[in-house]
Amino acid sequence: MIEWRAIILTFRLAFVVCAVLLVIGTPIATWLAFTRWRWKFLVESIVALPLVLPPTVLGFYVLVALGSNSPIGRWYRNLSGHGLPFTFEGLAIASVIYSLPFVVQPMVAAFSQVDRNLINASAILGASRLRTFFRVVMPLSVGGIITGVVLCFAHTLGEFGVVLMVGGNIPGVTETVSIAIYDNVQALNYAAANRMALLLMIFSFVTLSITYAINRRVWAIWPMHR
């Protein structure tokens, strides 16, 4: 039997993480793409750190940062009456941190490829930086934005180490598909694990196929970026 609660929770988590990272990742990527600050490599390193850190290490430090003894943990407990660890909210925060480079890096690459002459022309015509970004930079970077969102979504679907460290394994609250698959394998219920793993693999394949198809259409519309 397919554990639909875990699947629904996982997709809910993926949607939340993608939405949050679109909001906070776009300005970070914009700054990294256009700033000339000589020390920006330090910010790039911080953003990319989740790519090289073991998930359990990242999960441990996020757990400590969100714990009841931390300023964030105490503030949230006073606000909501309960802590962040082993809750959906804590899981979402950990997933946002873990998936940050998967959104920011494709956006930085796309923003950096936009012709600076177009940006300068927009400024000469009197457009503000914000208007130039939304009318020039973003339309020419659709491929990178789509890639970042899809990578974030797929990455969140398959998270395991960070999810286990920060969220634990609470059915209906923090038990994601990857945790459910692991539990079924531990219980020697390979049939259930196979069904869930196959469903996740098919969805990931279809999502990536659609993304590549959309990106090909984007480059066909703007051939200057080939």
N, C-alpha and C. Protein backbone atom coordinates (compact mmCIF):
# COMPACT_ATOMS: atom_id res chain seq x y z
N MET A 1 0.84 -1.21 0.00
CA MET A 1 0.00 0.00 0.00
C MET A 1 0.87 1.25 0.00
N ILE A 2 0.54 2.20 -0.85
CA ILE A 2 1.29 3.45 -0.93
C ILE A 2 0.89 4.36 0.23
N GLU A 3 1.88 4.91 0.91
CA GLU A 3 1.63 5.78 2.05
C GLU A 3 1.40 7.21 1.53
N TRP A 4 0.13 7.52 1.29
CA TRP A 4 -0.21 8.81 0.68
C TRP A 4 0.07 9.98 1.61
N ARG A 5 0.00 9.75 2.93
CA ARG A 5 0.29 10.85 3.85
C ARG A 5 1.72 11.35 3.67
N ALA A 6 2.64 10.41 3.52
CA ALA A 6 4.04 10.79 3.32
C ALA A 6 4.24 11.50 1.99
N ILE A 7 3.55 11.04 0.95
CA ILE A 7 3.67 11.65 -0.37
C ILE A 7 3.11 13.07 -0.37
N ILE A 8 1.92 13.24 0.22
CA ILE A 8 1.31 14.57 0.29
C ILE A 8 2.18 15.53 1.10
N LEU A 9 2.72 15.05 2.22
CA LEU A 9 3.58 15.88 3.05
C LEU A 9 4.84 16.28 2.28
N THR A 10 5.42 15.35 1.53
CA THR A 10 6.64 15.64 0.78
C THR A 10 6.39 16.68 -0.29
N PHE A 11 5.30 16.57 -1.02
CA PHE A 11 4.99 17.55 -2.06
C PHE A 11 4.64 18.91 -1.45
N ARG A 12 3.97 18.88 -0.33
CA ARG A 12 3.69 20.14 0.37
C ARG A 12 4.99 20.82 0.79
N LEU A 13 5.91 20.04 1.32
CA LEU A 13 7.21 20.58 1.72
C LEU A 13 7.96 21.15 0.52
N ALA A 14 7.94 20.42 -0.60
CA ALA A 14 8.65 20.87 -1.80
C ALA A 14 8.08 22.18 -2.33
N PHE A 15 6.76 22.31 -2.33
CA PHE A 15 6.13 23.55 -2.79
C PHE A 15 6.49 24.72 -1.89
N VAL A 16 6.46 24.50 -0.59
CA VAL A 16 6.79 25.57 0.36
C VAL A 16 8.23 26.01 0.19
N VAL A 17 9.15 25.04 0.10
CA VAL A 17 10.57 25.35 -0.04
C VAL A 17 10.84 26.12 -1.33
N CYS A 18 10.23 25.69 -2.44
CA CYS A 18 10.43 26.38 -3.71
C CYS A 18 9.91 27.81 -3.66
N ALA A 19 8.75 28.00 -3.05
CA ALA A 19 8.18 29.35 -2.95
C ALA A 19 9.07 30.26 -2.11
N VAL A 20 9.54 29.75 -0.98
CA VAL A 20 10.40 30.56 -0.11
C VAL A 20 11.71 30.89 -0.81
N LEU A 21 12.29 29.91 -1.48
CA LEU A 21 13.59 30.14 -2.12
C LEU A 21 13.48 31.05 -3.34
N LEU A 22 12.33 31.07 -3.99
CA LEU A 22 12.15 32.03 -5.07
C LEU A 22 12.18 33.46 -4.53
N VAL A 23 11.60 33.63 -3.35
CA VAL A 23 11.54 34.97 -2.75
C VAL A 23 12.90 35.41 -2.24
N ILE A 24 13.61 34.52 -1.52
CA ILE A 24 14.89 34.93 -0.93
C ILE A 24 16.07 34.64 -1.84
N GLY A 25 15.91 33.67 -2.75
CA GLY A 25 17.03 33.30 -3.62
C GLY A 25 17.24 34.27 -4.77
N THR A 26 16.15 34.88 -5.26
CA THR A 26 16.27 35.80 -6.40
C THR A 26 17.13 37.01 -6.07
N PRO A 27 16.90 37.72 -4.96
CA PRO A 27 17.79 38.86 -4.66
C PRO A 27 19.23 38.44 -4.38
N ILE A 28 19.42 37.28 -3.76
CA ILE A 28 20.79 36.80 -3.52
C ILE A 28 21.49 36.54 -4.85
N ALA A 29 20.79 35.85 -5.76
CA ALA A 29 21.38 35.55 -7.07
C ALA A 29 21.64 36.82 -7.87
N THR A 30 20.73 37.78 -7.78
CA THR A 30 20.92 39.05 -8.49
C THR A 30 22.16 39.78 -7.99
N TRP A 31 22.31 39.82 -6.68
CA TRP A 31 23.47 40.49 -6.10
C TRP A 31 24.77 39.78 -6.51
N LEU A 32 24.78 38.46 -6.45
CA LEU A 32 25.98 37.71 -6.81
C LEU A 32 26.32 37.87 -8.29
N ALA A 33 25.29 38.00 -9.13
CA ALA A 33 25.53 38.09 -10.57
C ALA A 33 26.07 39.46 -10.98
N PHE A 34 25.68 40.51 -10.27
CA PHE A 34 26.01 41.86 -10.73
C PHE A 34 26.96 42.64 -9.83
N THR A 35 27.19 42.16 -8.62
CA THR A 35 28.08 42.91 -7.74
C THR A 35 29.54 42.79 -8.17
N ARG A 36 30.31 43.82 -7.89
CA ARG A 36 31.75 43.79 -8.16
C ARG A 36 32.55 43.78 -6.86
N TRP A 37 31.91 43.47 -5.77
CA TRP A 37 32.58 43.41 -4.48
C TRP A 37 33.66 42.33 -4.51
N ARG A 38 34.84 42.68 -4.12
CA ARG A 38 35.98 41.77 -4.27
C ARG A 38 35.88 40.54 -3.36
N TRP A 39 35.09 40.64 -2.28
CA TRP A 39 34.97 39.53 -1.35
C TRP A 39 33.70 38.71 -1.55
N LYS A 40 33.07 38.86 -2.71
CA LYS A 40 31.81 38.15 -2.90
C LYS A 40 31.99 36.63 -2.92
N PHE A 41 33.21 36.18 -3.14
CA PHE A 41 33.45 34.74 -3.14
C PHE A 41 33.14 34.12 -1.77
N LEU A 42 33.21 34.93 -0.71
CA LEU A 42 32.85 34.43 0.61
C LEU A 42 31.36 34.12 0.69
N VAL A 43 30.55 35.00 0.11
CA VAL A 43 29.10 34.77 0.07
C VAL A 43 28.80 33.57 -0.82
N GLU A 44 29.49 33.46 -1.96
CA GLU A 44 29.30 32.32 -2.85
C GLU A 44 29.63 31.02 -2.13
N SER A 45 30.67 31.04 -1.31
CA SER A 45 31.06 29.84 -0.57
C SER A 45 30.00 29.45 0.45
N ILE A 46 29.44 30.45 1.13
CA ILE A 46 28.40 30.17 2.11
C ILE A 46 27.17 29.58 1.43
N VAL A 47 26.78 30.16 0.29
CA VAL A 47 25.61 29.66 -0.44
C VAL A 47 25.83 28.23 -0.92
N ALA A 48 27.05 27.93 -1.37
CA ALA A 48 27.34 26.60 -1.93
C ALA A 48 27.68 25.56 -0.87
N LEU A 49 27.84 25.98 0.38
CA LEU A 49 28.27 25.06 1.44
C LEU A 49 27.40 23.81 1.57
N PRO A 50 26.07 23.90 1.46
CA PRO A 50 25.25 22.68 1.56
C PRO A 50 25.56 21.63 0.50
N LEU A 51 26.21 22.03 -0.61
CA LEU A 51 26.56 21.07 -1.65
C LEU A 51 27.65 20.11 -1.21
N VAL A 52 28.52 20.56 -0.32
CA VAL A 52 29.68 19.74 0.07
C VAL A 52 29.58 19.21 1.49
N LEU A 53 28.73 19.83 2.32
CA LEU A 53 28.56 19.34 3.68
C LEU A 53 27.74 18.06 3.70
N PRO A 54 28.15 17.06 4.48
CA PRO A 54 27.28 15.89 4.66
C PRO A 54 25.94 16.32 5.24
N PRO A 55 24.83 15.76 4.75
CA PRO A 55 23.51 16.18 5.23
C PRO A 55 23.35 16.05 6.74
N THR A 56 23.97 15.04 7.33
CA THR A 56 23.85 14.87 8.78
C THR A 56 24.55 16.00 9.53
N VAL A 57 25.67 16.49 8.99
CA VAL A 57 26.38 17.60 9.62
C VAL A 57 25.53 18.87 9.54
N LEU A 58 25.02 19.15 8.35
CA LEU A 58 24.16 20.32 8.18
C LEU A 58 22.92 20.20 9.06
N GLY A 59 22.32 19.01 9.07
CA GLY A 59 21.13 18.79 9.88
C GLY A 59 21.39 18.98 11.36
N PHE A 60 22.55 18.53 11.82
CA PHE A 60 22.90 18.67 13.23
C PHE A 60 22.98 20.14 13.62
N TYR A 61 23.68 20.94 12.82
CA TYR A 61 23.84 22.35 13.16
C TYR A 61 22.54 23.13 13.02
N VAL A 62 21.70 22.75 12.06
CA VAL A 62 20.38 23.38 11.96
C VAL A 62 19.55 23.02 13.18
N LEU A 63 19.65 21.76 13.62
CA LEU A 63 18.92 21.32 14.81
C LEU A 63 19.36 22.11 16.04
N VAL A 64 20.66 22.33 16.18
CA VAL A 64 21.17 23.11 17.30
C VAL A 64 20.70 24.56 17.20
N ALA A 65 20.73 25.11 15.96
CA ALA A 65 20.34 26.51 15.76
C ALA A 65 18.86 26.75 16.03
N LEU A 66 18.05 25.70 15.84
CA LEU A 66 16.60 25.84 16.04
C LEU A 66 16.15 25.32 17.40
N GLY A 67 17.07 24.75 18.16
CA GLY A 67 16.73 24.13 19.44
C GLY A 67 16.24 25.12 20.47
N SER A 68 15.71 24.58 21.56
CA SER A 68 15.10 25.42 22.60
C SER A 68 16.10 26.30 23.32
N ASN A 69 17.41 25.97 23.24
CA ASN A 69 18.43 26.78 23.90
C ASN A 69 18.98 27.89 23.03
N SER A 70 18.56 27.93 21.77
CA SER A 70 19.04 28.96 20.85
C SER A 70 18.10 30.16 20.87
N PRO A 71 18.59 31.35 20.48
CA PRO A 71 17.70 32.53 20.43
C PRO A 71 16.51 32.33 19.52
N ILE A 72 16.75 31.70 18.36
CA ILE A 72 15.64 31.47 17.42
C ILE A 72 14.63 30.51 18.04
N GLY A 73 15.14 29.44 18.65
CA GLY A 73 14.26 28.45 19.26
C GLY A 73 13.43 29.03 20.39
N ARG A 74 14.05 29.85 21.25
CA ARG A 74 13.32 30.47 22.37
C ARG A 74 12.27 31.45 21.85
N TRP A 75 12.66 32.24 20.84
CA TRP A 75 11.71 33.20 20.27
C TRP A 75 10.49 32.49 19.68
N TYR A 76 10.73 31.41 18.94
CA TYR A 76 9.62 30.70 18.31
C TYR A 76 8.75 30.01 19.35
N ARG A 77 9.37 29.47 20.40
CA ARG A 77 8.59 28.82 21.46
C ARG A 77 7.70 29.84 22.18
N ASN A 78 8.23 31.01 22.44
CA ASN A 78 7.43 32.05 23.09
C ASN A 78 6.28 32.51 22.19
N LEU A 79 6.54 32.46 20.87
CA LEU A 79 5.54 32.93 19.92
C LEU A 79 4.44 31.91 19.69
N SER A 80 4.83 30.64 19.55
CA SER A 80 3.88 29.60 19.15
C SER A 80 3.52 28.62 20.26
N GLY A 81 4.34 28.57 21.29
CA GLY A 81 4.06 27.62 22.37
C GLY A 81 4.71 26.28 22.21
N HIS A 82 5.42 26.07 21.09
CA HIS A 82 6.15 24.81 20.89
C HIS A 82 7.44 25.09 20.13
N GLY A 83 8.36 24.15 20.19
CA GLY A 83 9.66 24.34 19.55
C GLY A 83 9.61 24.09 18.05
N LEU A 84 10.72 24.36 17.39
CA LEU A 84 10.83 24.15 15.94
C LEU A 84 11.28 22.75 15.56
N PRO A 85 12.22 22.12 16.28
CA PRO A 85 12.65 20.77 15.89
C PRO A 85 11.48 19.79 15.90
N PHE A 86 11.51 18.87 14.95
CA PHE A 86 10.51 17.80 14.81
C PHE A 86 9.11 18.37 14.54
N THR A 87 9.09 19.49 13.80
CA THR A 87 7.84 20.06 13.30
C THR A 87 7.98 20.32 11.81
N PHE A 88 6.86 20.53 11.14
CA PHE A 88 6.91 20.83 9.70
C PHE A 88 7.63 22.14 9.45
N GLU A 89 7.43 23.12 10.32
CA GLU A 89 8.09 24.41 10.15
C GLU A 89 9.60 24.28 10.23
N GLY A 90 10.08 23.53 11.22
CA GLY A 90 11.51 23.31 11.34
C GLY A 90 12.07 22.55 10.15
N LEU A 91 11.28 21.58 9.67
CA LEU A 91 11.68 20.82 8.49
C LEU A 91 11.79 21.73 7.27
N ALA A 92 10.86 22.66 7.12
CA ALA A 92 10.88 23.59 5.99
C ALA A 92 12.10 24.50 6.05
N ILE A 93 12.43 24.99 7.25
CA ILE A 93 13.61 25.86 7.40
C ILE A 93 14.87 25.10 7.01
N ALA A 94 15.01 23.88 7.51
CA ALA A 94 16.19 23.07 7.18
C ALA A 94 16.26 22.79 5.68
N SER A 95 15.14 22.52 5.06
CA SER A 95 15.11 22.22 3.63
C SER A 95 15.44 23.45 2.79
N VAL A 96 15.01 24.63 3.25
CA VAL A 96 15.35 25.87 2.55
C VAL A 96 16.86 26.08 2.54
N ILE A 97 17.49 25.88 3.69
CA ILE A 97 18.95 26.03 3.78
C ILE A 97 19.65 25.00 2.91
N TYR A 98 19.16 23.76 2.95
CA TYR A 98 19.80 22.67 2.22
C TYR A 98 19.67 22.83 0.71
N SER A 99 18.56 23.39 0.25
CA SER A 99 18.31 23.52 -1.19
C SER A 99 18.70 24.87 -1.76
N LEU A 100 19.19 25.78 -0.92
CA LEU A 100 19.52 27.13 -1.38
C LEU A 100 20.42 27.16 -2.62
N PRO A 101 21.54 26.42 -2.65
CA PRO A 101 22.41 26.51 -3.84
C PRO A 101 21.78 25.98 -5.11
N PHE A 102 20.81 25.09 -4.99
CA PHE A 102 20.17 24.52 -6.18
C PHE A 102 19.29 25.55 -6.89
N VAL A 103 18.87 26.58 -6.17
CA VAL A 103 18.10 27.66 -6.78
C VAL A 103 19.01 28.82 -7.18
N VAL A 104 19.91 29.20 -6.29
CA VAL A 104 20.72 30.39 -6.50
C VAL A 104 21.71 30.21 -7.65
N GLN A 105 22.41 29.10 -7.70
CA GLN A 105 23.46 28.95 -8.70
C GLN A 105 22.95 28.96 -10.15
N PRO A 106 21.87 28.26 -10.50
CA PRO A 106 21.35 28.39 -11.87
C PRO A 106 20.89 29.81 -12.19
N MET A 107 20.33 30.50 -11.21
CA MET A 107 19.91 31.88 -11.43
C MET A 107 21.10 32.79 -11.67
N VAL A 108 22.14 32.63 -10.87
CA VAL A 108 23.35 33.45 -11.05
C VAL A 108 23.92 33.25 -12.45
N ALA A 109 23.99 31.99 -12.88
CA ALA A 109 24.51 31.70 -14.22
C ALA A 109 23.65 32.36 -15.30
N ALA A 110 22.33 32.30 -15.13
CA ALA A 110 21.43 32.90 -16.13
C ALA A 110 21.51 34.42 -16.12
N PHE A 111 21.52 35.02 -14.94
CA PHE A 111 21.59 36.48 -14.84
C PHE A 111 22.91 37.00 -15.41
N SER A 112 23.99 36.27 -15.18
CA SER A 112 25.31 36.70 -15.64
C SER A 112 25.43 36.70 -17.15
N GLN A 113 24.59 35.90 -17.83
CA GLN A 113 24.66 35.80 -19.29
C GLN A 113 23.85 36.87 -20.01
N VAL A 114 23.07 37.63 -19.25
CA VAL A 114 22.28 38.69 -19.89
C VAL A 114 23.21 39.78 -20.42
N ASP A 115 22.98 40.19 -21.64
CA ASP A 115 23.82 41.20 -22.29
C ASP A 115 23.77 42.51 -21.49
N ARG A 116 24.93 42.95 -21.02
CA ARG A 116 24.99 44.19 -20.23
C ARG A 116 24.57 45.41 -21.04
N ASN A 117 24.72 45.34 -22.36
CA ASN A 117 24.30 46.47 -23.20
C ASN A 117 22.79 46.70 -23.11
N LEU A 118 22.03 45.60 -22.99
CA LEU A 118 20.59 45.73 -22.84
C LEU A 118 20.23 46.38 -21.50
N ILE A 119 20.96 46.00 -20.47
CA ILE A 119 20.72 46.59 -19.14
C ILE A 119 21.07 48.07 -19.15
N ASN A 120 22.21 48.40 -19.77
CA ASN A 120 22.62 49.81 -19.86
C ASN A 120 21.64 50.63 -20.68
N ALA A 121 21.14 50.04 -21.76
CA ALA A 121 20.18 50.74 -22.61
C ALA A 121 18.90 51.04 -21.84
N SER A 122 18.47 50.07 -21.02
CA SER A 122 17.28 50.27 -20.20
C SER A 122 17.48 51.41 -19.20
N ALA A 123 18.67 51.48 -18.62
CA ALA A 123 18.97 52.56 -17.67
C ALA A 123 19.00 53.91 -18.36
N ILE A 124 19.58 53.95 -19.57
CA ILE A 124 19.65 55.21 -20.33
C ILE A 124 18.26 55.71 -20.68
N LEU A 125 17.34 54.78 -20.93
CA LEU A 125 15.97 55.16 -21.27
C LEU A 125 15.15 55.57 -20.04
N GLY A 126 15.79 55.53 -18.87
CA GLY A 126 15.13 56.03 -17.67
C GLY A 126 14.47 54.99 -16.79
N ALA A 127 14.62 53.72 -17.14
CA ALA A 127 14.01 52.67 -16.32
C ALA A 127 14.80 52.50 -15.02
N SER A 128 14.09 52.25 -13.92
CA SER A 128 14.75 52.00 -12.65
C SER A 128 15.40 50.62 -12.67
N ARG A 129 16.25 50.38 -11.68
CA ARG A 129 16.90 49.06 -11.61
C ARG A 129 15.88 47.95 -11.43
N LEU A 130 14.87 48.21 -10.62
CA LEU A 130 13.85 47.19 -10.38
C LEU A 130 13.07 46.91 -11.66
N ARG A 131 12.70 47.96 -12.38
CA ARG A 131 11.96 47.78 -13.63
C ARG A 131 12.83 47.08 -14.67
N THR A 132 14.11 47.43 -14.72
CA THR A 132 15.03 46.77 -15.65
C THR A 132 15.15 45.28 -15.33
N PHE A 133 15.18 44.98 -14.05
CA PHE A 133 15.30 43.57 -13.66
C PHE A 133 14.08 42.77 -14.12
N PHE A 134 12.88 43.32 -13.87
CA PHE A 134 11.66 42.57 -14.20
C PHE A 134 11.33 42.60 -15.69
N ARG A 135 11.78 43.64 -16.41
CA ARG A 135 11.43 43.76 -17.83
C ARG A 135 12.52 43.27 -18.76
N VAL A 136 13.76 43.21 -18.28
CA VAL A 136 14.88 42.81 -19.14
C VAL A 136 15.55 41.54 -18.63
N VAL A 137 16.04 41.58 -17.39
CA VAL A 137 16.84 40.47 -16.87
C VAL A 137 16.03 39.19 -16.70
N MET A 138 14.89 39.30 -16.04
CA MET A 138 14.10 38.08 -15.78
C MET A 138 13.58 37.41 -17.04
N PRO A 139 13.02 38.14 -18.01
CA PRO A 139 12.56 37.45 -19.22
C PRO A 139 13.68 36.73 -19.97
N LEU A 140 14.90 37.28 -19.91
CA LEU A 140 16.02 36.65 -20.59
C LEU A 140 16.67 35.55 -19.76
N SER A 141 16.16 35.34 -18.55
CA SER A 141 16.75 34.34 -17.65
C SER A 141 15.74 33.27 -17.25
N VAL A 142 14.68 33.15 -18.02
CA VAL A 142 13.61 32.21 -17.66
C VAL A 142 14.14 30.79 -17.54
N GLY A 143 15.03 30.41 -18.44
CA GLY A 143 15.57 29.05 -18.41
C GLY A 143 16.28 28.74 -17.11
N GLY A 144 17.10 29.68 -16.65
CA GLY A 144 17.82 29.47 -15.39
C GLY A 144 16.90 29.45 -14.20
N ILE A 145 15.87 30.28 -14.21
CA ILE A 145 14.91 30.31 -13.11
C ILE A 145 14.13 29.00 -13.04
N ILE A 146 13.67 28.53 -14.19
CA ILE A 146 12.94 27.26 -14.23
C ILE A 146 13.82 26.12 -13.76
N THR A 147 15.07 26.11 -14.23
CA THR A 147 15.99 25.06 -13.82
C THR A 147 16.20 25.06 -12.32
N GLY A 148 16.39 26.25 -11.75
CA GLY A 148 16.58 26.35 -10.31
C GLY A 148 15.39 25.84 -9.52
N VAL A 149 14.19 26.21 -9.94
CA VAL A 149 12.99 25.78 -9.23
C VAL A 149 12.81 24.27 -9.32
N VAL A 150 13.03 23.72 -10.51
CA VAL A 150 12.86 22.27 -10.68
C VAL A 150 13.91 21.49 -9.89
N LEU A 151 15.15 21.95 -9.92
CA LEU A 151 16.19 21.29 -9.14
C LEU A 151 15.87 21.34 -7.65
N CYS A 152 15.37 22.48 -7.20
CA CYS A 152 14.98 22.62 -5.80
C CYS A 152 13.85 21.65 -5.46
N PHE A 153 12.86 21.58 -6.32
CA PHE A 153 11.71 20.71 -6.07
C PHE A 153 12.15 19.25 -6.02
N ALA A 154 12.94 18.83 -7.01
CA ALA A 154 13.39 17.44 -7.05
C ALA A 154 14.31 17.12 -5.88
N HIS A 155 15.15 18.07 -5.53
CA HIS A 155 16.08 17.86 -4.41
C HIS A 155 15.32 17.72 -3.09
N THR A 156 14.29 18.53 -2.90
CA THR A 156 13.50 18.45 -1.68
C THR A 156 12.75 17.13 -1.59
N LEU A 157 12.27 16.63 -2.73
CA LEU A 157 11.56 15.35 -2.74
C LEU A 157 12.45 14.21 -2.23
N GLY A 158 13.75 14.29 -2.53
CA GLY A 158 14.64 13.19 -2.19
C GLY A 158 15.46 13.38 -0.93
N GLU A 159 15.21 14.45 -0.18
CA GLU A 159 16.00 14.71 1.03
C GLU A 159 15.84 13.57 2.04
N PHE A 160 16.94 13.26 2.71
CA PHE A 160 16.88 12.19 3.72
C PHE A 160 17.60 12.59 5.01
N GLY A 161 18.92 12.84 4.91
CA GLY A 161 19.71 13.09 6.10
C GLY A 161 19.24 14.28 6.90
N VAL A 162 19.06 15.42 6.22
CA VAL A 162 18.62 16.63 6.91
C VAL A 162 17.21 16.44 7.48
N VAL A 163 16.34 15.79 6.71
CA VAL A 163 14.98 15.54 7.16
C VAL A 163 14.98 14.69 8.42
N LEU A 164 15.80 13.66 8.43
CA LEU A 164 15.84 12.76 9.58
C LEU A 164 16.39 13.45 10.82
N MET A 165 17.40 14.30 10.63
CA MET A 165 18.03 14.97 11.78
C MET A 165 17.11 16.03 12.38
N VAL A 166 16.46 16.81 11.55
CA VAL A 166 15.68 17.95 12.04
C VAL A 166 14.21 17.58 12.27
N GLY A 167 13.67 16.73 11.41
CA GLY A 167 12.24 16.40 11.50
C GLY A 167 11.93 15.09 12.17
N GLY A 168 12.92 14.20 12.23
CA GLY A 168 12.65 12.89 12.79
C GLY A 168 11.75 12.08 11.88
N ASN A 169 10.89 11.30 12.46
CA ASN A 169 10.03 10.40 11.68
C ASN A 169 8.65 10.33 12.33
N ILE A 170 7.91 11.43 12.21
CA ILE A 170 6.58 11.51 12.82
C ILE A 170 5.54 11.42 11.70
N PRO A 171 4.80 10.31 11.60
CA PRO A 171 3.82 10.15 10.52
C PRO A 171 2.83 11.31 10.46
N GLY A 172 2.65 11.85 9.26
CA GLY A 172 1.71 12.94 9.06
C GLY A 172 2.25 14.30 9.43
N VAL A 173 3.44 14.35 10.06
CA VAL A 173 4.01 15.62 10.48
C VAL A 173 5.36 15.87 9.82
N THR A 174 6.27 14.90 9.93
CA THR A 174 7.61 15.07 9.35
C THR A 174 8.07 13.86 8.55
N GLU A 175 7.23 12.84 8.42
CA GLU A 175 7.64 11.64 7.67
C GLU A 175 7.46 11.88 6.18
N THR A 176 8.57 12.06 5.47
CA THR A 176 8.53 12.29 4.03
C THR A 176 8.66 10.95 3.30
N VAL A 177 8.62 11.01 1.98
CA VAL A 177 8.68 9.79 1.17
C VAL A 177 10.00 9.06 1.40
N SER A 178 11.11 9.80 1.42
CA SER A 178 12.40 9.14 1.60
C SER A 178 12.49 8.41 2.94
N ILE A 179 11.93 9.01 3.98
CA ILE A 179 11.91 8.36 5.29
C ILE A 179 11.00 7.14 5.27
N ALA A 180 9.85 7.25 4.60
CA ALA A 180 8.91 6.13 4.52
C ALA A 180 9.53 4.96 3.76
N ILE A 181 10.26 5.26 2.69
CA ILE A 181 10.94 4.20 1.94
C ILE A 181 11.96 3.50 2.83
N TYR A 182 12.73 4.30 3.56
CA TYR A 182 13.74 3.72 4.47
C TYR A 182 13.08 2.84 5.53
N ASP A 183 11.98 3.30 6.10
CA ASP A 183 11.27 2.51 7.11
C ASP A 183 10.77 1.19 6.55
N ASN A 184 10.24 1.23 5.32
CA ASN A 184 9.76 0.00 4.69
C ASN A 184 10.89 -0.98 4.42
N VAL A 185 12.03 -0.45 4.02
CA VAL A 185 13.19 -1.33 3.79
C VAL A 185 13.65 -1.95 5.11
N GLN A 186 13.68 -1.12 6.17
CA GLN A 186 14.07 -1.63 7.48
C GLN A 186 13.12 -2.71 7.97
N ALA A 187 11.84 -2.59 7.60
CA ALA A 187 10.84 -3.58 7.99
C ALA A 187 10.76 -4.74 7.01
N LEU A 188 11.67 -4.75 6.03
CA LEU A 188 11.73 -5.79 4.99
C LEU A 188 10.47 -5.80 4.12
N ASN A 189 9.79 -4.67 4.07
CA ASN A 189 8.61 -4.54 3.22
C ASN A 189 9.06 -3.94 1.88
N TYR A 190 9.75 -4.75 1.10
CA TYR A 190 10.33 -4.26 -0.14
C TYR A 190 9.28 -3.89 -1.19
N ALA A 191 8.14 -4.54 -1.15
CA ALA A 191 7.10 -4.24 -2.14
C ALA A 191 6.59 -2.80 -1.96
N ALA A 192 6.32 -2.42 -0.71
CA ALA A 192 5.85 -1.05 -0.45
C ALA A 192 6.94 -0.03 -0.76
N ALA A 193 8.18 -0.35 -0.39
CA ALA A 193 9.29 0.55 -0.68
C ALA A 193 9.46 0.73 -2.19
N ASN A 194 9.30 -0.35 -2.93
CA ASN A 194 9.45 -0.29 -4.39
C ASN A 194 8.36 0.56 -5.03
N ARG A 195 7.14 0.44 -4.53
CA ARG A 195 6.04 1.22 -5.09
C ARG A 195 6.28 2.72 -4.89
N MET A 196 6.69 3.08 -3.70
CA MET A 196 6.92 4.50 -3.43
C MET A 196 8.13 5.03 -4.18
N ALA A 197 9.20 4.24 -4.24
CA ALA A 197 10.40 4.66 -4.95
C ALA A 197 10.12 4.79 -6.45
N LEU A 198 9.35 3.86 -6.99
CA LEU A 198 9.03 3.91 -8.42
C LEU A 198 8.17 5.12 -8.73
N LEU A 199 7.21 5.42 -7.87
CA LEU A 199 6.36 6.59 -8.08
C LEU A 199 7.18 7.87 -8.06
N LEU A 200 8.12 7.95 -7.14
CA LEU A 200 8.97 9.14 -7.03
C LEU A 200 9.89 9.26 -8.24
N MET A 201 10.42 8.13 -8.70
CA MET A 201 11.31 8.15 -9.85
C MET A 201 10.57 8.56 -11.13
N ILE A 202 9.36 8.07 -11.32
CA ILE A 202 8.58 8.43 -12.50
C ILE A 202 8.25 9.92 -12.48
N PHE A 203 7.84 10.42 -11.32
CA PHE A 203 7.52 11.85 -11.22
C PHE A 203 8.75 12.70 -11.50
N SER A 204 9.90 12.31 -10.95
CA SER A 204 11.13 13.08 -11.17
C SER A 204 11.51 13.09 -12.65
N PHE A 205 11.37 11.94 -13.31
CA PHE A 205 11.71 11.84 -14.73
C PHE A 205 10.79 12.73 -15.57
N VAL A 206 9.49 12.67 -15.29
CA VAL A 206 8.53 13.48 -16.05
C VAL A 206 8.80 14.97 -15.83
N THR A 207 9.08 15.35 -14.58
CA THR A 207 9.35 16.76 -14.26
C THR A 207 10.58 17.26 -15.00
N LEU A 208 11.65 16.47 -14.98
CA LEU A 208 12.88 16.88 -15.66
C LEU A 208 12.67 16.94 -17.17
N SER A 209 11.92 16.01 -17.72
CA SER A 209 11.66 16.02 -19.16
C SER A 209 10.91 17.27 -19.57
N ILE A 210 9.90 17.64 -18.79
CA ILE A 210 9.13 18.86 -19.08
C ILE A 210 10.04 20.08 -18.99
N THR A 211 10.91 20.09 -17.98
CA THR A 211 11.82 21.22 -17.79
C THR A 211 12.75 21.38 -18.99
N TYR A 212 13.36 20.29 -19.44
CA TYR A 212 14.25 20.36 -20.60
C TYR A 212 13.50 20.81 -21.84
N ALA A 213 12.26 20.35 -21.98
CA ALA A 213 11.46 20.75 -23.14
C ALA A 213 11.16 22.25 -23.09
N ILE A 214 10.82 22.77 -21.90
CA ILE A 214 10.55 24.19 -21.75
C ILE A 214 11.79 25.01 -22.02
N ASN A 215 12.93 24.55 -21.52
CA ASN A 215 14.18 25.27 -21.73
C ASN A 215 14.55 25.33 -23.21
N ARG A 216 14.31 24.28 -23.94
CA ARG A 216 14.59 24.29 -25.37
C ARG A 216 13.71 25.32 -26.07
N ARG A 217 12.47 25.44 -25.60
CA ARG A 217 11.56 26.43 -26.19
C ARG A 217 12.02 27.85 -25.85
N VAL A 218 12.51 28.01 -24.62
CA VAL A 218 13.01 29.34 -24.21
C VAL A 218 14.17 29.76 -25.09
N TRP A 219 15.13 28.84 -25.32
CA TRP A 219 16.30 29.21 -26.13
C TRP A 219 15.91 29.43 -27.59
N ALA A 220 14.83 28.78 -28.01
CA ALA A 220 14.37 29.01 -29.39
C ALA A 220 13.80 30.42 -29.54
N ILE A 221 13.16 30.93 -28.47
CA ILE A 221 12.60 32.28 -28.51
C ILE A 221 13.71 33.32 -28.46
N TRP A 222 14.77 33.06 -27.63
CA TRP A 222 15.89 33.99 -27.49
C TRP A 222 17.17 33.33 -27.99
N PRO A 223 17.36 33.20 -29.29
CA PRO A 223 18.52 32.48 -29.83
C PRO A 223 19.84 33.13 -29.50
N MET A 224 19.86 34.38 -29.06
CA MET A 224 21.12 35.05 -28.74
C MET A 224 21.84 34.36 -27.59
N HIS A 225 21.14 33.54 -26.83
CA HIS A 225 21.76 32.88 -25.67
C HIS A 225 22.24 31.49 -26.00
N ARG A 226 22.20 31.09 -27.24
CA ARG A 226 22.72 29.77 -27.59
C ARG A 226 24.23 29.77 -27.57
